Each structure stands twice: as C-alpha cells, then as structure tokens.
PDB file of all heavy atoms in Angstrom:
ATOM      1  N   ALA A   1     -69.682  82.192  24.204  1.00  0.00           N
ATOM      2  CA  ALA A   1     -68.397  82.552  24.800  1.00  0.00           C
ATOM      3  C   ALA A   1     -67.704  81.335  25.402  1.00  0.00           C
ATOM      4  O   ALA A   1     -66.707  81.469  26.082  1.00  0.00           O
ATOM      5  CB  ALA A   1     -68.612  83.619  25.866  1.00  0.00           C
ATOM      6  N   GLY A   2     -68.243  80.154  25.142  1.00  0.00           N
ATOM      7  CA  GLY A   2     -67.651  78.925  25.672  1.00  0.00           C
ATOM      8  C   GLY A   2     -66.483  78.469  24.824  1.00  0.00           C
ATOM      9  O   GLY A   2     -65.924  79.229  24.043  1.00  0.00           O
ATOM     10  N   GLU A   3     -66.106  77.198  24.994  1.00  0.00           N
ATOM     11  CA  GLU A   3     -64.995  76.671  24.205  1.00  0.00           C
ATOM     12  C   GLU A   3     -65.447  75.486  23.366  1.00  0.00           C
ATOM     13  O   GLU A   3     -66.440  74.831  23.670  1.00  0.00           O
ATOM     14  CB  GLU A   3     -63.813  76.304  25.098  1.00  0.00           C
ATOM     15  CG  GLU A   3     -64.055  75.200  26.072  1.00  0.00           C
ATOM     16  CD  GLU A   3     -62.858  74.980  27.004  1.00  0.00           C
ATOM     17  OE1 GLU A   3     -61.758  75.502  26.756  1.00  0.00           O
ATOM     18  OE2 GLU A   3     -63.047  74.273  27.999  1.00  0.00           O
ATOM     19  N   SER A   4     -64.718  75.218  22.295  1.00  0.00           N
ATOM     20  CA  SER A   4     -65.031  74.107  21.400  1.00  0.00           C
ATOM     21  C   SER A   4     -64.466  72.816  21.975  1.00  0.00           C
ATOM     22  O   SER A   4     -63.703  72.816  22.950  1.00  0.00           O
ATOM     23  CB  SER A   4     -64.415  74.364  20.024  1.00  0.00           C
ATOM     24  OG  SER A   4     -63.001  74.306  20.118  1.00  0.00           O
ATOM     25  N   LEU A   5     -64.809  71.693  21.347  1.00  0.00           N
ATOM     26  CA  LEU A   5     -64.238  70.405  21.743  1.00  0.00           C
ATOM     27  C   LEU A   5     -62.717  70.433  21.624  1.00  0.00           C
ATOM     28  O   LEU A   5     -62.003  69.945  22.500  1.00  0.00           O
ATOM     29  CB  LEU A   5     -64.796  69.282  20.881  1.00  0.00           C
ATOM     30  CG  LEU A   5     -66.240  68.878  21.134  1.00  0.00           C
ATOM     31  CD1 LEU A   5     -66.718  67.893  20.068  1.00  0.00           C
ATOM     32  CD2 LEU A   5     -66.399  68.287  22.509  1.00  0.00           C
ATOM     33  N   ALA A   6     -62.216  71.021  20.544  1.00  0.00           N
ATOM     34  CA  ALA A   6     -60.766  71.103  20.341  1.00  0.00           C
ATOM     35  C   ALA A   6     -60.105  71.950  21.423  1.00  0.00           C
ATOM     36  O   ALA A   6     -59.041  71.590  21.938  1.00  0.00           O
ATOM     37  CB  ALA A   6     -60.453  71.667  18.960  1.00  0.00           C
ATOM     38  N   ASP A   7     -60.736  73.064  21.799  1.00  0.00           N
ATOM     39  CA  ASP A   7     -60.193  73.916  22.859  1.00  0.00           C
ATOM     40  C   ASP A   7     -60.141  73.155  24.184  1.00  0.00           C
ATOM     41  O   ASP A   7     -59.160  73.229  24.918  1.00  0.00           O
ATOM     42  CB  ASP A   7     -61.040  75.173  23.055  1.00  0.00           C
ATOM     43  CG  ASP A   7     -60.972  76.132  21.884  1.00  0.00           C
ATOM     44  OD1 ASP A   7     -60.000  76.057  21.098  1.00  0.00           O
ATOM     45  OD2 ASP A   7     -61.899  76.954  21.750  1.00  0.00           O
ATOM     46  N   GLY A   8     -61.209  72.424  24.496  1.00  0.00           N
ATOM     47  CA  GLY A   8     -61.247  71.639  25.726  1.00  0.00           C
ATOM     48  C   GLY A   8     -60.190  70.556  25.735  1.00  0.00           C
ATOM     49  O   GLY A   8     -59.524  70.326  26.748  1.00  0.00           O
ATOM     50  N   ALA A   9     -60.009  69.878  24.596  1.00  0.00           N
ATOM     51  CA  ALA A   9     -58.986  68.834  24.494  1.00  0.00           C
ATOM     52  C   ALA A   9     -57.590  69.437  24.660  1.00  0.00           C
ATOM     53  O   ALA A   9     -56.737  68.856  25.339  1.00  0.00           O
ATOM     54  CB  ALA A   9     -59.107  68.105  23.162  1.00  0.00           C
ATOM     55  N   ASP A  10     -57.355  70.598  24.075  1.00  0.00           N
ATOM     56  CA  ASP A  10     -56.049  71.273  24.212  1.00  0.00           C
ATOM     57  C   ASP A  10     -55.765  71.625  25.671  1.00  0.00           C
ATOM     58  O   ASP A  10     -54.654  71.447  26.168  1.00  0.00           O
ATOM     59  CB  ASP A  10     -55.991  72.535  23.365  1.00  0.00           C
ATOM     60  CG  ASP A  10     -55.905  72.256  21.873  1.00  0.00           C
ATOM     61  OD1 ASP A  10     -55.606  71.105  21.493  1.00  0.00           O
ATOM     62  OD2 ASP A  10     -56.146  73.198  21.099  1.00  0.00           O
ATOM     63  N   ARG A  11     -56.777  72.128  26.365  1.00  0.00           N
ATOM     64  CA  ARG A  11     -56.604  72.523  27.766  1.00  0.00           C
ATOM     65  C   ARG A  11     -56.325  71.299  28.642  1.00  0.00           C
ATOM     66  O   ARG A  11     -55.424  71.313  29.490  1.00  0.00           O
ATOM     67  CB  ARG A  11     -57.852  73.267  28.250  1.00  0.00           C
ATOM     68  CG  ARG A  11     -57.691  73.933  29.576  1.00  0.00           C
ATOM     69  CD  ARG A  11     -58.841  74.907  29.863  1.00  0.00           C
ATOM     70  NE  ARG A  11     -60.150  74.396  29.537  1.00  0.00           N
ATOM     71  CZ  ARG A  11     -60.875  73.612  30.344  1.00  0.00           C
ATOM     72  NH1 ARG A  11     -60.394  73.240  31.508  1.00  0.00           N
ATOM     73  NH2 ARG A  11     -62.073  73.216  29.981  1.00  0.00           N
ATOM     74  N   LEU A  12     -57.072  70.204  28.420  1.00  0.00           N
ATOM     75  CA  LEU A  12     -56.840  68.980  29.187  1.00  0.00           C
ATOM     76  C   LEU A  12     -55.465  68.396  28.866  1.00  0.00           C
ATOM     77  O   LEU A  12     -54.746  67.947  29.765  1.00  0.00           O
ATOM     78  CB  LEU A  12     -57.936  67.945  28.916  1.00  0.00           C
ATOM     79  CG  LEU A  12     -57.787  66.620  29.665  1.00  0.00           C
ATOM     80  CD1 LEU A  12     -57.762  66.829  31.178  1.00  0.00           C
ATOM     81  CD2 LEU A  12     -58.893  65.663  29.279  1.00  0.00           C
ATOM     82  N   THR A  13     -55.077  68.425  27.612  1.00  0.00           N
ATOM     83  CA  THR A  13     -53.769  67.904  27.208  1.00  0.00           C
ATOM     84  C   THR A  13     -52.641  68.664  27.907  1.00  0.00           C
ATOM     85  O   THR A  13     -51.686  68.058  28.404  1.00  0.00           O
ATOM     86  CB  THR A  13     -53.604  67.987  25.678  1.00  0.00           C
ATOM     87  OG1 THR A  13     -54.633  67.207  25.072  1.00  0.00           O
ATOM     88  CG2 THR A  13     -52.255  67.462  25.239  1.00  0.00           C
ATOM     89  N   ALA A  14     -52.743  69.974  27.965  1.00  0.00           N
ATOM     90  CA  ALA A  14     -51.714  70.778  28.639  1.00  0.00           C
ATOM     91  C   ALA A  14     -51.632  70.423  30.124  1.00  0.00           C
ATOM     92  O   ALA A  14     -50.533  70.281  30.678  1.00  0.00           O
ATOM     93  CB  ALA A  14     -52.007  72.267  28.456  1.00  0.00           C
ATOM     94  N   ALA A  15     -52.781  70.251  30.767  1.00  0.00           N
ATOM     95  CA  ALA A  15     -52.784  69.884  32.189  1.00  0.00           C
ATOM     96  C   ALA A  15     -52.185  68.498  32.387  1.00  0.00           C
ATOM     97  O   ALA A  15     -51.400  68.280  33.319  1.00  0.00           O
ATOM     98  CB  ALA A  15     -54.209  69.932  32.729  1.00  0.00           C
ATOM     99  N   LEU A  16     -52.521  67.554  31.516  1.00  0.00           N
ATOM    100  CA  LEU A  16     -51.989  66.195  31.646  1.00  0.00           C
ATOM    101  C   LEU A  16     -50.484  66.148  31.358  1.00  0.00           C
ATOM    102  O   LEU A  16     -49.759  65.359  31.969  1.00  0.00           O
ATOM    103  CB  LEU A  16     -52.744  65.237  30.730  1.00  0.00           C
ATOM    104  CG  LEU A  16     -54.189  64.956  31.148  1.00  0.00           C
ATOM    105  CD1 LEU A  16     -54.900  64.116  30.083  1.00  0.00           C
ATOM    106  CD2 LEU A  16     -54.242  64.282  32.505  1.00  0.00           C
ATOM    107  N   ARG A  17     -50.011  66.974  30.454  1.00  0.00           N
ATOM    108  CA  ARG A  17     -48.562  67.047  30.196  1.00  0.00           C
ATOM    109  C   ARG A  17     -47.829  67.534  31.452  1.00  0.00           C
ATOM    110  O   ARG A  17     -46.763  67.025  31.800  1.00  0.00           O
ATOM    111  CB  ARG A  17     -48.251  67.974  29.034  1.00  0.00           C
ATOM    112  CG  ARG A  17     -48.487  67.361  27.694  1.00  0.00           C
ATOM    113  CD  ARG A  17     -47.884  68.200  26.576  1.00  0.00           C
ATOM    114  NE  ARG A  17     -48.413  67.806  25.298  1.00  0.00           N
ATOM    115  CZ  ARG A  17     -48.104  66.706  24.647  1.00  0.00           C
ATOM    116  NH1 ARG A  17     -47.260  65.861  25.174  1.00  0.00           N
ATOM    117  NH2 ARG A  17     -48.640  66.426  23.481  1.00  0.00           N
ATOM    118  N   ALA A  18     -48.379  68.526  32.119  1.00  0.00           N
ATOM    119  CA  ALA A  18     -47.762  69.033  33.349  1.00  0.00           C
ATOM    120  C   ALA A  18     -47.719  67.945  34.417  1.00  0.00           C
ATOM    121  O   ALA A  18     -46.700  67.783  35.103  1.00  0.00           O
ATOM    122  CB  ALA A  18     -48.526  70.265  33.852  1.00  0.00           C
ATOM    123  N   ILE A  19     -48.783  67.190  34.545  1.00  0.00           N
ATOM    124  CA  ILE A  19     -48.814  66.079  35.504  1.00  0.00           C
ATOM    125  C   ILE A  19     -47.821  65.000  35.081  1.00  0.00           C
ATOM    126  O   ILE A  19     -47.067  64.482  35.904  1.00  0.00           O
ATOM    127  CB  ILE A  19     -50.245  65.503  35.616  1.00  0.00           C
ATOM    128  CG1 ILE A  19     -51.170  66.528  36.273  1.00  0.00           C
ATOM    129  CG2 ILE A  19     -50.242  64.185  36.399  1.00  0.00           C
ATOM    130  CD1 ILE A  19     -52.638  66.200  36.163  1.00  0.00           C
ATOM    131  N   GLY A  20     -47.811  64.662  33.797  1.00  0.00           N
ATOM    132  CA  GLY A  20     -46.896  63.635  33.295  1.00  0.00           C
ATOM    133  C   GLY A  20     -45.441  64.016  33.471  1.00  0.00           C
ATOM    134  O   GLY A  20     -44.607  63.167  33.814  1.00  0.00           O
ATOM    135  N   ASP A  21     -45.116  65.282  33.266  1.00  0.00           N
ATOM    136  CA  ASP A  21     -43.735  65.748  33.453  1.00  0.00           C
ATOM    137  C   ASP A  21     -43.326  65.687  34.921  1.00  0.00           C
ATOM    138  O   ASP A  21     -42.192  65.367  35.246  1.00  0.00           O
ATOM    139  CB  ASP A  21     -43.573  67.180  32.932  1.00  0.00           C
ATOM    140  CG  ASP A  21     -43.622  67.261  31.412  1.00  0.00           C
ATOM    141  OD1 ASP A  21     -43.417  66.224  30.746  1.00  0.00           O
ATOM    142  OD2 ASP A  21     -43.882  68.363  30.900  1.00  0.00           O
ATOM    143  N   ARG A  22     -44.270  65.964  35.790  1.00  0.00           N
ATOM    144  CA  ARG A  22     -43.961  65.951  37.228  1.00  0.00           C
ATOM    145  C   ARG A  22     -43.835  64.528  37.776  1.00  0.00           C
ATOM    146  O   ARG A  22     -43.005  64.259  38.622  1.00  0.00           O
ATOM    147  CB  ARG A  22     -45.050  66.704  37.988  1.00  0.00           C
ATOM    148  CG  ARG A  22     -44.762  66.808  39.456  1.00  0.00           C
ATOM    149  CD  ARG A  22     -45.706  67.729  40.149  1.00  0.00           C
ATOM    150  NE  ARG A  22     -45.351  67.803  41.560  1.00  0.00           N
ATOM    151  CZ  ARG A  22     -46.071  68.402  42.454  1.00  0.00           C
ATOM    152  NH1 ARG A  22     -47.186  69.005  42.116  1.00  0.00           N
ATOM    153  NH2 ARG A  22     -45.686  68.412  43.711  1.00  0.00           N
ATOM    154  N   TYR A  23     -44.688  63.639  37.303  1.00  0.00           N
ATOM    155  CA  TYR A  23     -44.700  62.262  37.802  1.00  0.00           C
ATOM    156  C   TYR A  23     -44.289  61.301  36.692  1.00  0.00           C
ATOM    157  O   TYR A  23     -44.974  60.328  36.401  1.00  0.00           O
ATOM    158  CB  TYR A  23     -46.085  61.909  38.355  1.00  0.00           C
ATOM    159  CG  TYR A  23     -46.495  62.801  39.490  1.00  0.00           C
ATOM    160  CD1 TYR A  23     -47.409  63.839  39.302  1.00  0.00           C
ATOM    161  CD2 TYR A  23     -45.944  62.630  40.753  1.00  0.00           C
ATOM    162  CE1 TYR A  23     -47.767  64.670  40.344  1.00  0.00           C
ATOM    163  CE2 TYR A  23     -46.304  63.464  41.803  1.00  0.00           C
ATOM    164  CZ  TYR A  23     -47.215  64.475  41.591  1.00  0.00           C
ATOM    165  OH  TYR A  23     -47.566  65.298  42.628  1.00  0.00           O
ATOM    166  N   TYR A  24     -43.179  61.576  36.089  1.00  0.00           N
ATOM    167  CA  TYR A  24     -42.694  60.827  34.938  1.00  0.00           C
ATOM    168  C   TYR A  24     -42.634  59.323  35.223  1.00  0.00           C
ATOM    169  O   TYR A  24     -42.147  58.892  36.268  1.00  0.00           O
ATOM    170  CB  TYR A  24     -41.293  61.325  34.545  1.00  0.00           C
ATOM    171  CG  TYR A  24     -40.809  60.757  33.245  1.00  0.00           C
ATOM    172  CD1 TYR A  24     -41.279  61.251  32.044  1.00  0.00           C
ATOM    173  CD2 TYR A  24     -39.916  59.697  33.227  1.00  0.00           C
ATOM    174  CE1 TYR A  24     -40.853  60.733  30.839  1.00  0.00           C
ATOM    175  CE2 TYR A  24     -39.486  59.163  32.027  1.00  0.00           C
ATOM    176  CZ  TYR A  24     -39.959  59.682  30.835  1.00  0.00           C
ATOM    177  OH  TYR A  24     -39.549  59.149  29.646  1.00  0.00           O
ATOM    178  N   GLY A  25     -43.158  58.545  34.286  1.00  0.00           N
ATOM    179  CA  GLY A  25     -43.100  57.086  34.384  1.00  0.00           C
ATOM    180  C   GLY A  25     -44.227  56.464  35.176  1.00  0.00           C
ATOM    181  O   GLY A  25     -44.287  55.246  35.311  1.00  0.00           O
ATOM    182  N   ARG A  26     -45.117  57.268  35.691  1.00  0.00           N
ATOM    183  CA  ARG A  26     -46.248  56.733  36.450  1.00  0.00           C
ATOM    184  C   ARG A  26     -47.528  56.846  35.625  1.00  0.00           C
ATOM    185  O   ARG A  26     -47.696  57.761  34.831  1.00  0.00           O
ATOM    186  CB  ARG A  26     -46.444  57.510  37.744  1.00  0.00           C
ATOM    187  CG  ARG A  26     -45.283  57.377  38.700  1.00  0.00           C
ATOM    188  CD  ARG A  26     -45.591  58.113  39.962  1.00  0.00           C
ATOM    189  NE  ARG A  26     -44.461  58.080  40.875  1.00  0.00           N
ATOM    190  CZ  ARG A  26     -44.427  58.725  42.006  1.00  0.00           C
ATOM    191  NH1 ARG A  26     -45.443  59.473  42.373  1.00  0.00           N
ATOM    192  NH2 ARG A  26     -43.375  58.646  42.789  1.00  0.00           N
ATOM    193  N   ALA A  27     -48.439  55.914  35.846  1.00  0.00           N
ATOM    194  CA  ALA A  27     -49.745  55.983  35.192  1.00  0.00           C
ATOM    195  C   ALA A  27     -50.576  57.076  35.856  1.00  0.00           C
ATOM    196  O   ALA A  27     -50.409  57.367  37.039  1.00  0.00           O
ATOM    197  CB  ALA A  27     -50.462  54.645  35.286  1.00  0.00           C
ATOM    198  N   THR A  28     -51.451  57.685  35.093  1.00  0.00           N
ATOM    199  CA  THR A  28     -52.321  58.750  35.592  1.00  0.00           C
ATOM    200  C   THR A  28     -53.773  58.337  35.418  1.00  0.00           C
ATOM    201  O   THR A  28     -54.181  57.952  34.322  1.00  0.00           O
ATOM    202  CB  THR A  28     -52.074  60.065  34.813  1.00  0.00           C
ATOM    203  OG1 THR A  28     -50.700  60.419  34.937  1.00  0.00           O
ATOM    204  CG2 THR A  28     -52.938  61.181  35.334  1.00  0.00           C
ATOM    205  N   LEU A  29     -54.540  58.416  36.493  1.00  0.00           N
ATOM    206  CA  LEU A  29     -55.974  58.164  36.435  1.00  0.00           C
ATOM    207  C   LEU A  29     -56.657  59.499  36.183  1.00  0.00           C
ATOM    208  O   LEU A  29     -56.459  60.458  36.934  1.00  0.00           O
ATOM    209  CB  LEU A  29     -56.477  57.561  37.745  1.00  0.00           C
ATOM    210  CG  LEU A  29     -57.995  57.430  37.891  1.00  0.00           C
ATOM    211  CD1 LEU A  29     -58.541  56.429  36.873  1.00  0.00           C
ATOM    212  CD2 LEU A  29     -58.352  57.012  39.311  1.00  0.00           C
ATOM    213  N   VAL A  30     -57.438  59.579  35.118  1.00  0.00           N
ATOM    214  CA  VAL A  30     -58.142  60.806  34.764  1.00  0.00           C
ATOM    215  C   VAL A  30     -59.631  60.554  34.962  1.00  0.00           C
ATOM    216  O   VAL A  30     -60.198  59.645  34.364  1.00  0.00           O
ATOM    217  CB  VAL A  30     -57.873  61.198  33.296  1.00  0.00           C
ATOM    218  CG1 VAL A  30     -58.579  62.502  32.965  1.00  0.00           C
ATOM    219  CG2 VAL A  30     -56.391  61.297  33.030  1.00  0.00           C
TER     220      VAL A  30
END
C-alpha cells in the first residue's frame, strides 16, 4: 500500500513547486 519511486518524486516535485512559486527567484535547500 506504499508508493513507488515515481509517486514519491511526483509528490516532492509538487511540494517544491509550491515553495518555488512562493519564494520565486530564491534557491531552495532540500
């Protein structure tokens, strides 16, 4: 019932897009 590597990457990508949109032009440390 877990998630695949692709599912995990999609979820992280969505979270990073939200951060990137909020702090546009700044580097993000993950």
